Amino acid sequence: MMTAINVALLGFGTVGQGVYEIIQTSQERLQFFLKKPVKIAAVLVNNKEKHKAIEKEVLLTDNFEEILGLPQLDIVIDAIVGNASFPYLKRSIERGCHIVTANKEMFASHGEELLSLAARYQTAAGFEATVGGGIPVIQTLRKLLNINRVTKVEGIINGTSNFILTSMREEDQPFADTLKIAQEKGYAEADPTNDIEGFDAYYKALVLSQVVYGELPQEEHVYRKGITSITQNEIQQAEALGLKFKHVAKIEKYENAIQCRVQPVLVSASHSFYGVEGVQNAVSIDADIVGNITLTGAGAGKYPTASAVIEDLLHLYQEPVPVYTEKEQEASEQVRSSKGKWLIFNNSIDASRLPQEFTGVDRLNEQTLYFEAVEKDVRAFEKQSPEIAVYPVEGEFFFAGKTLRL
């Protein structure tokens, strides 16, 4: 009888159920690639009474020790939310199991330790589902890093925020009403803080930093801002200029440090993120040889995320690919000194209040001030004037007969 690949599934919520269903319904395809059937041997849940529909031959337990006690266990898949799964994955590796996780918060905090532990025990760790749901960001980066130097990664990597910003613009609704709709549709949790304050995108950016640079950014080089302060008036003013608000996470290396930015950005029609609407995600990768690659697709949800988990499972049994990271990448002089383009939507702000370091100041209309400045000067201005919202602009847009390439 052909031996099976035995899998333990931690968590049976939306993603866990998706993984379970795909494994059960895709046996022929999985066996074609793996040359073995894949068997779900156990499922870890908090409440066994809620999940009695699971097949009888599957161990349903609320005790992780029972899973570790299984005579045959090859892969542990983590579909738990939060940091509770870290000790489970750590012990799974120490037992000699491969692991796959969709848990971005846990992996952002403990990924480096888990990867190091997996290398020591000669097991593998898959974490594709932690960033882009069904978008193959991690695998793309790993392949590019074989020869390319990745200089920047940025993305719309939180579908909830993108849905809210899209609906505020298209339906002309205020933030609170749109958030309520997102919750009703299941796009936002009852406590939406992680999504709307930028923590979810921040955790994903940390995972990307680990892949590209082999390390995390220092706290002083991180800027995180959510979407809760964006007003309906600002949405309308941006639209009048041909711009859209997008919540963008970005990592790049300059000034001898990894810089992480998670913030609302104004993009024009020339930008690859301009048409990314609703709960869709997009990731743009800049590399020195291949140039730019942009990936778009469903960034979250039951099946897109479960699909990424299963793809990781397949990759665990393929020939491992060594990954080169850019720990010694030199700073870019051009990036250090370059000025960005910024907008303020506020009719009570006079140009004379702006610091002298801000150049090219122009009032585009009654409510909008445009200027150019390096980021550190903008952040200093924000600290001095916290009541004024300043937004970076990316892409090409027109005003008063001028064309700005941003």
Protein backbone atom coordinates (compact mmCIF):
# COMPACT_ATOMS: atom_id res chain seq x y z
CA MET A 1 0.00 0.00 0.00
CA MET A 2 1.32 3.45 -0.94
CA THR A 3 2.42 5.52 2.05
CA ALA A 4 0.68 8.88 2.51
CA ILE A 5 1.91 12.35 3.43
CA ASN A 6 0.29 12.91 6.82
CA VAL A 7 -0.85 16.43 7.59
CA ALA A 8 -2.02 18.06 10.84
CA LEU A 9 -4.16 21.16 10.48
CA LEU A 10 -4.04 23.75 13.26
CA GLY A 11 -7.25 25.78 13.25
CA PHE A 12 -10.50 25.18 11.44
CA GLY A 13 -11.77 28.65 10.70
CA THR A 14 -12.21 30.13 7.23
CA VAL A 15 -8.71 29.34 5.96
CA GLY A 16 -8.46 26.00 7.74
CA GLN A 17 -11.72 24.83 6.21
CA GLY A 18 -10.52 25.94 2.78
CA VAL A 19 -7.31 23.92 3.14
CA TYR A 20 -9.27 20.89 4.33
CA GLU A 21 -11.65 21.07 1.36
CA ILE A 22 -8.90 21.49 -1.23
CA ILE A 23 -6.93 18.54 0.11
CA GLN A 24 -10.03 16.36 0.15
CA THR A 25 -11.16 17.30 -3.37
CA SER A 26 -7.75 17.54 -5.13
CA GLN A 27 -6.25 14.16 -4.33
CA GLU A 28 -5.67 13.18 -7.95
CA ARG A 29 -3.77 16.38 -8.74
CA LEU A 30 -1.80 16.29 -5.48
CA GLN A 31 -0.82 12.67 -6.03
CA PHE A 32 0.30 13.46 -9.59
CA PHE A 33 2.86 15.99 -8.29
CA LEU A 34 3.82 14.35 -5.00
CA LYS A 35 3.63 10.68 -6.10
CA LYS A 36 1.82 10.03 -2.81
CA PRO A 37 -1.66 10.72 -1.46
CA VAL A 38 -2.07 13.51 1.09
CA LYS A 39 -3.95 12.53 4.22
CA ILE A 40 -5.31 14.90 6.87
CA ALA A 41 -4.40 13.01 10.03
CA ALA A 42 -5.51 15.55 12.64
CA VAL A 43 -7.25 18.87 13.16
CA LEU A 44 -6.62 21.09 16.20
CA VAL A 45 -9.62 23.18 17.33
CA ASN A 46 -10.68 25.11 20.41
CA ASN A 47 -14.11 23.50 20.64
CA LYS A 48 -14.57 19.92 19.40
CA GLU A 49 -18.36 20.15 19.68
CA LYS A 50 -18.49 22.72 16.88
CA HIS A 51 -16.69 20.55 14.33
CA LYS A 52 -18.20 17.08 14.54
CA ALA A 53 -18.72 16.98 10.76
CA ILE A 54 -15.02 16.20 10.22
CA GLU A 55 -14.45 12.62 8.99
CA LYS A 56 -14.22 10.03 11.75
CA GLU A 57 -10.78 8.81 10.66
CA VAL A 58 -9.37 12.29 11.30
CA LEU A 59 -8.18 12.98 14.85
CA LEU A 60 -10.20 15.97 16.07
CA THR A 61 -8.57 17.38 19.19
CA ASP A 62 -8.15 20.44 21.36
CA ASN A 63 -4.86 19.10 22.72
CA PHE A 64 -1.71 19.61 20.65
CA GLU A 65 0.08 16.86 22.57
CA GLU A 66 -2.21 14.32 20.88
CA ILE A 67 -1.01 15.56 17.49
CA LEU A 68 2.66 15.29 18.48
CA GLY A 69 1.89 11.76 19.65
CA LEU A 70 0.76 10.57 16.22
CA PRO A 71 3.00 7.77 14.92
CA GLN A 72 3.18 9.31 11.44
CA LEU A 73 3.25 13.09 10.94
CA ASP A 74 4.97 14.89 8.04
CA ILE A 75 3.53 18.42 7.76
CA VAL A 76 1.88 20.80 10.21
CA ILE A 77 -0.26 23.53 8.63
CA ASP A 78 -0.97 26.61 10.72
CA ALA A 79 -4.30 28.34 10.08
CA ILE A 80 -4.57 29.94 13.53
CA VAL A 81 -4.88 33.71 14.02
CA GLY A 82 -2.41 35.40 16.39
CA ASN A 83 0.75 34.21 18.10
CA ALA A 84 -0.68 31.09 19.78
CA SER A 85 0.63 28.84 17.00
CA PHE A 86 4.31 29.71 17.45
CA PRO A 87 5.13 27.12 20.14
CA TYR A 88 3.19 24.48 18.19
CA LEU A 89 5.22 25.13 15.04
CA LYS A 90 8.47 25.24 16.97
CA ARG A 91 7.81 21.83 18.52
CA SER A 92 6.65 20.46 15.16
CA ILE A 93 9.98 21.39 13.58
CA GLU A 94 11.88 19.87 16.48
CA ARG A 95 9.99 16.65 15.84
CA GLY A 96 11.16 16.75 12.22
CA CYS A 97 7.99 18.01 10.54
CA HIS A 98 7.75 20.53 7.73
CA ILE A 99 5.52 23.51 8.51
CA VAL A 100 3.28 25.79 6.43
CA THR A 101 1.69 28.92 7.88
CA ALA A 102 -0.84 31.52 6.79
CA ASN A 103 -0.32 33.48 10.02
CA LYS A 104 1.29 36.82 9.14
CA GLU A 105 1.22 38.31 12.65
CA MET A 106 2.99 35.32 14.17
CA PHE A 107 5.45 34.97 11.28
CA ALA A 108 6.34 38.67 11.32
CA SER A 109 7.43 38.24 14.94
CA HIS A 110 8.86 34.73 14.89
CA GLY A 111 9.60 33.91 11.25
CA GLU A 112 13.35 34.37 11.54
CA GLU A 113 13.52 31.98 14.48
CA LEU A 114 11.33 29.38 12.77
CA LEU A 115 13.37 29.50 9.55
CA SER A 116 16.61 29.15 11.50
CA LEU A 117 15.17 26.24 13.48
CA ALA A 118 13.92 24.55 10.30
CA ALA A 119 17.39 24.82 8.77
CA ARG A 120 18.92 23.24 11.88
CA TYR A 121 16.49 20.31 11.82
CA GLN A 122 16.66 19.99 8.02
CA THR A 123 12.96 20.62 7.56
CA ALA A 124 11.22 23.27 5.44
CA ALA A 125 8.91 26.19 6.20
CA GLY A 126 6.34 27.57 3.77
CA PHE A 127 4.80 31.00 4.34
CA GLU A 128 3.44 32.17 0.97
CA ALA A 129 -0.06 32.70 2.40
CA THR A 130 1.18 35.22 4.98
CA VAL A 131 1.43 38.07 2.47
CA GLY A 132 -0.71 38.09 -0.64
CA GLY A 133 -3.32 35.41 -0.16
CA GLY A 134 -3.60 33.83 -3.61
CA ILE A 135 -0.90 36.06 -5.15
CA PRO A 136 2.43 34.13 -5.37
CA VAL A 137 4.59 36.94 -3.97
CA ILE A 138 7.04 34.89 -1.93
CA GLN A 139 7.77 32.36 -4.67
CA THR A 140 8.22 35.16 -7.22
CA LEU A 141 10.69 36.96 -4.96
CA ARG A 142 12.62 33.78 -4.26
CA LYS A 143 13.07 33.12 -7.96
CA LEU A 144 14.02 36.72 -8.73
CA LEU A 145 16.59 36.74 -5.94
CA ASN A 146 18.52 33.94 -7.65
CA ILE A 147 20.13 36.54 -9.92
CA ASN A 148 18.24 39.85 -9.59
CA ARG A 149 18.83 42.44 -6.92
CA VAL A 150 15.39 43.45 -5.68
CA THR A 151 15.51 47.18 -5.01
CA LYS A 152 11.94 47.83 -3.87
CA VAL A 153 8.73 46.00 -3.06
CA GLU A 154 5.44 47.82 -2.56
CA GLY A 155 1.89 46.67 -2.51
CA ILE A 156 -1.77 47.02 -1.69
CA ILE A 157 -1.76 44.05 0.66
CA ASN A 158 -4.83 44.60 2.80
CA GLY A 159 -8.11 43.99 1.01
CA THR A 160 -10.23 45.53 3.77
CA SER A 161 -8.59 48.95 3.50
CA ASN A 162 -8.74 48.86 -0.28
CA PHE A 163 -12.44 47.95 -0.19
CA ILE A 164 -13.19 50.84 2.18
CA LEU A 165 -11.27 53.41 0.12
CA THR A 166 -12.88 52.18 -3.10
CA SER A 167 -16.39 52.31 -1.62
CA MET A 168 -15.88 55.76 -0.08
CA ARG A 169 -15.03 57.05 -3.55
CA GLU A 170 -17.53 55.10 -5.68
CA GLU A 171 -20.50 55.22 -3.31
CA ASP A 172 -19.73 58.66 -1.84
CA GLN A 173 -20.07 57.30 1.69
CA PRO A 174 -18.20 58.33 4.85
CA PHE A 175 -15.64 56.05 6.46
CA ALA A 176 -17.85 54.80 9.33
CA ASP A 177 -20.68 53.71 6.98
CA THR A 178 -18.28 51.98 4.61
CA LEU A 179 -16.56 50.14 7.45
CA LYS A 180 -19.94 48.85 8.62
CA ILE A 181 -20.65 47.50 5.10
CA ALA A 182 -17.23 45.83 5.05
CA GLN A 183 -18.05 44.12 8.33
CA GLU A 184 -21.44 42.98 7.05
CA LYS A 185 -19.79 41.47 3.97
CA GLY A 186 -17.21 39.68 6.09
CA TYR A 187 -14.29 41.74 4.78
CA ALA A 188 -13.60 43.32 8.18
CA GLU A 189 -13.54 41.81 11.66
CA ALA A 190 -15.75 42.98 14.52
CA ASP A 191 -12.58 44.67 15.77
CA PRO A 192 -11.12 46.05 12.53
CA THR A 193 -8.08 47.74 14.12
CA ASN A 194 -5.45 45.54 12.44
CA ASP A 195 -6.84 46.33 8.99
CA ILE A 196 -7.78 50.01 9.20
CA GLU A 197 -4.79 51.14 11.28
CA GLY A 198 -2.28 49.43 8.99
CA PHE A 199 -1.03 46.69 11.31
CA ASP A 200 -2.01 43.84 8.96
CA ALA A 201 -0.13 45.43 6.05
CA TYR A 202 2.79 46.16 8.39
CA TYR A 203 3.08 42.50 9.45
CA LYS A 204 3.09 41.48 5.79
CA ALA A 205 5.77 44.08 4.99
CA LEU A 206 7.95 42.57 7.72
CA VAL A 207 7.61 39.14 6.12
CA LEU A 208 8.64 40.62 2.76
CA SER A 209 11.64 42.27 4.40
CA GLN A 210 12.76 38.90 5.76
CA VAL A 211 12.55 37.37 2.29
CA VAL A 212 14.31 40.19 0.39
CA TYR A 213 16.87 41.39 2.93
CA GLY A 214 17.11 38.53 5.40
CA GLU A 215 16.31 40.83 8.31
CA LEU A 216 13.68 43.18 9.72
CA PRO A 217 13.71 47.00 9.62
CA GLN A 218 14.62 48.78 12.82
CA GLU A 219 11.75 50.55 14.57
CA GLU A 220 13.16 54.01 13.83
CA HIS A 221 12.99 53.25 10.10
CA VAL A 222 9.31 52.27 10.13
CA TYR A 223 6.40 54.60 9.40
CA ARG A 224 2.87 53.23 9.77
CA LYS A 225 -0.38 55.10 9.24
CA GLY A 226 -3.85 53.69 8.68
CA ILE A 227 -6.83 55.04 6.76
CA THR A 228 -9.11 56.18 9.59
CA SER A 229 -8.27 59.87 9.23
CA ILE A 230 -9.06 60.08 5.48
CA THR A 231 -12.17 62.20 5.03
CA GLN A 232 -14.85 62.16 2.39
CA ASN A 233 -13.77 65.66 1.34
CA GLU A 234 -10.19 64.46 0.79
CA ILE A 235 -11.44 61.55 -1.33
CA GLN A 236 -13.43 63.99 -3.48
CA GLN A 237 -10.59 66.49 -3.78
CA ALA A 238 -8.21 63.74 -4.88
CA GLU A 239 -10.70 62.46 -7.45
CA ALA A 240 -11.07 65.97 -8.89
CA LEU A 241 -7.31 65.88 -9.59
CA GLY A 242 -7.51 62.42 -11.17
CA LEU A 243 -5.99 60.75 -8.12
CA LYS A 244 -7.09 57.84 -5.92
CA PHE A 245 -6.24 56.98 -2.34
CA LYS A 246 -4.55 53.60 -1.90
CA HIS A 247 -3.12 52.13 1.30
CA VAL A 248 0.37 51.02 0.30
CA ALA A 249 3.10 49.12 2.12
CA LYS A 250 6.64 49.60 0.84
CA ILE A 251 10.07 48.22 1.74
CA GLU A 252 13.36 49.34 0.25
CA LYS A 253 16.92 49.79 1.44
CA TYR A 254 18.63 53.16 1.56
CA GLU A 255 20.62 55.25 4.03
CA ASN A 256 22.21 51.93 5.05
CA ALA A 257 18.93 50.69 6.51
CA ILE A 258 15.75 48.89 5.51
CA GLN A 259 12.99 51.46 5.25
CA CYS A 260 9.38 50.35 5.78
CA ARG A 261 6.47 52.61 4.91
CA VAL A 262 2.82 51.68 5.41
CA GLN A 263 0.56 54.63 4.62
CA PRO A 264 -2.16 56.16 2.44
CA VAL A 265 -0.75 57.20 -0.93
CA LEU A 266 -2.32 59.16 -3.80
CA VAL A 267 -1.82 57.42 -7.14
CA SER A 268 -2.56 58.70 -10.64
CA ALA A 269 -3.89 56.84 -13.66
CA SER A 270 -0.33 56.04 -14.81
CA HIS A 271 0.39 54.04 -11.65
CA SER A 272 -0.03 50.26 -11.66
CA PHE A 273 -2.15 50.41 -8.49
CA TYR A 274 -4.70 52.88 -9.91
CA GLY A 275 -7.09 50.19 -11.18
CA VAL A 276 -6.77 47.87 -8.17
CA GLU A 277 -10.20 48.15 -6.56
CA GLY A 278 -12.33 46.54 -3.89
CA VAL A 279 -10.77 43.63 -1.99
CA GLN A 280 -8.16 43.01 -4.71
CA ASN A 281 -4.47 43.13 -3.81
CA ALA A 282 -1.42 44.04 -5.89
CA VAL A 283 2.33 43.78 -5.36
CA SER A 284 4.92 45.62 -7.43
CA ILE A 285 8.53 44.40 -7.43
CA ASP A 286 11.45 46.41 -8.82
CA ALA A 287 14.61 44.47 -9.66
CA ASP A 288 17.84 45.54 -11.33
CA ILE A 289 17.75 43.08 -14.25
CA VAL A 290 14.14 42.15 -14.96
CA GLY A 291 12.79 45.62 -14.19
CA ASN A 292 9.28 45.84 -12.76
CA ILE A 293 6.88 42.99 -12.13
CA THR A 294 3.35 43.65 -10.84
CA LEU A 295 1.18 40.85 -9.49
CA THR A 296 -2.54 41.34 -8.88
CA GLY A 297 -5.30 39.11 -7.61
CA ALA A 298 -7.41 38.09 -4.65
CA GLY A 299 -5.41 38.90 -1.56
CA ALA A 300 -7.53 37.18 1.06
CA GLY A 301 -10.47 34.90 1.59
CA LYS A 302 -11.10 31.22 2.11
CA TYR A 303 -9.91 29.76 -1.19
CA PRO A 304 -7.21 32.23 -2.34
CA THR A 305 -5.36 31.88 0.98
CA ALA A 306 -5.94 28.12 1.14
CA SER A 307 -4.61 27.86 -2.41
CA ALA A 308 -1.36 29.52 -1.33
CA VAL A 309 -1.07 27.06 1.57
CA ILE A 310 -1.46 24.08 -0.75
CA GLU A 311 1.07 25.51 -3.22
CA ASP A 312 3.50 25.78 -0.32
CA LEU A 313 2.82 22.15 0.56
CA LEU A 314 3.78 21.17 -2.99
CA HIS A 315 6.93 23.30 -2.93
CA LEU A 316 8.10 21.60 0.28
CA TYR A 317 8.57 18.38 -1.67
CA GLN A 318 10.32 19.93 -4.64
CA GLU A 319 14.05 20.60 -4.93
CA PRO A 320 14.89 23.39 -2.46
CA VAL A 321 16.15 26.60 -4.05
CA PRO A 322 18.86 28.54 -2.20
CA VAL A 323 17.86 32.17 -1.71
CA TYR A 324 20.31 35.05 -1.76
CA THR A 325 19.35 38.04 0.40
CA GLU A 326 20.55 41.62 0.14
CA LYS A 327 21.98 42.16 3.63
CA GLU A 328 25.00 44.00 2.26
CA GLN A 329 23.15 46.12 -0.28
CA GLU A 330 24.62 49.60 -0.53
CA ALA A 331 22.54 52.72 -0.04
CA SER A 332 21.31 54.56 -3.10
CA GLU A 333 22.55 58.15 -3.20
CA GLN A 334 19.70 59.10 -5.52
CA VAL A 335 17.04 57.84 -3.12
CA ARG A 336 18.70 59.53 -0.16
CA SER A 337 18.46 63.00 -1.61
CA SER A 338 15.44 62.79 -3.89
CA LYS A 339 12.41 64.92 -3.12
CA GLY A 340 8.97 63.42 -3.26
CA LYS A 341 5.73 65.06 -4.32
CA TRP A 342 3.14 65.79 -1.63
CA LEU A 343 -0.38 67.19 -1.29
CA ILE A 344 -2.30 68.81 1.54
CA PHE A 345 -6.11 69.02 1.30
CA ASN A 346 -6.91 71.94 3.59
CA ASN A 347 -8.25 75.35 2.63
CA SER A 348 -7.15 76.95 5.91
CA ILE A 349 -3.44 76.29 5.36
CA ASP A 350 -1.50 79.20 3.92
CA ALA A 351 1.64 78.42 1.92
CA SER A 352 3.60 80.70 4.24
CA ARG A 353 3.14 78.12 7.03
CA LEU A 354 5.15 75.53 5.15
CA PRO A 355 8.83 75.09 6.05
CA GLN A 356 11.41 76.70 3.78
CA GLU A 357 12.75 73.23 2.92
CA PHE A 358 9.52 72.62 0.98
CA THR A 359 9.98 73.72 -2.62
CA GLY A 360 7.78 74.06 -5.71
CA VAL A 361 4.86 75.12 -3.52
CA ASP A 362 1.72 75.67 -5.59
CA ARG A 363 -1.94 76.05 -4.66
CA LEU A 364 -3.71 73.80 -7.15
CA ASN A 365 -7.14 74.96 -6.08
CA GLU A 366 -8.86 76.48 -3.08
CA GLN A 367 -8.38 73.37 -0.96
CA THR A 368 -5.18 71.81 -2.27
CA LEU A 369 -1.52 72.68 -1.72
CA TYR A 370 1.23 70.95 -3.68
CA PHE A 371 4.91 70.91 -2.71
CA GLU A 372 8.12 68.90 -3.06
CA ALA A 373 10.19 67.76 -0.09
CA VAL A 374 12.33 64.96 1.30
CA GLU A 375 10.44 62.65 3.60
CA LYS A 376 12.28 63.46 6.82
CA ASP A 377 11.28 67.13 6.49
CA VAL A 378 7.64 66.14 5.91
CA ARG A 379 7.64 63.94 9.02
CA ALA A 380 9.10 66.77 11.08
CA PHE A 381 6.36 69.09 9.78
CA GLU A 382 3.68 66.52 10.69
CA LYS A 383 4.96 66.34 14.26
CA GLN A 384 4.81 70.14 14.55
CA SER A 385 1.37 70.33 12.90
CA PRO A 386 -0.45 67.06 13.67
CA GLU A 387 -3.78 68.53 12.58
CA ILE A 388 -2.56 68.75 8.96
CA ALA A 389 -2.69 65.55 6.85
CA VAL A 390 0.05 65.25 4.22
CA TYR A 391 -0.08 62.61 1.49
CA PRO A 392 2.63 61.40 -0.92
CA VAL A 393 1.73 61.29 -4.62
CA GLU A 394 2.90 58.64 -7.09
CA GLY A 395 2.37 58.46 -10.84
CA GLU A 396 1.93 61.20 -13.44
CA PHE A 397 -0.78 63.83 -13.16
CA PHE A 398 -1.69 67.19 -14.63
CA PHE A 399 -2.63 70.54 -13.16
CA ALA A 400 -2.68 74.11 -14.46
CA GLY A 401 -1.19 73.05 -17.77
CA LYS A 402 1.77 71.32 -16.11
CA THR A 403 2.71 67.66 -16.20
CA LEU A 404 4.32 66.18 -13.11
CA ARG A 405 6.21 62.90 -13.31
CA LEU A 406 6.15 61.55 -9.78
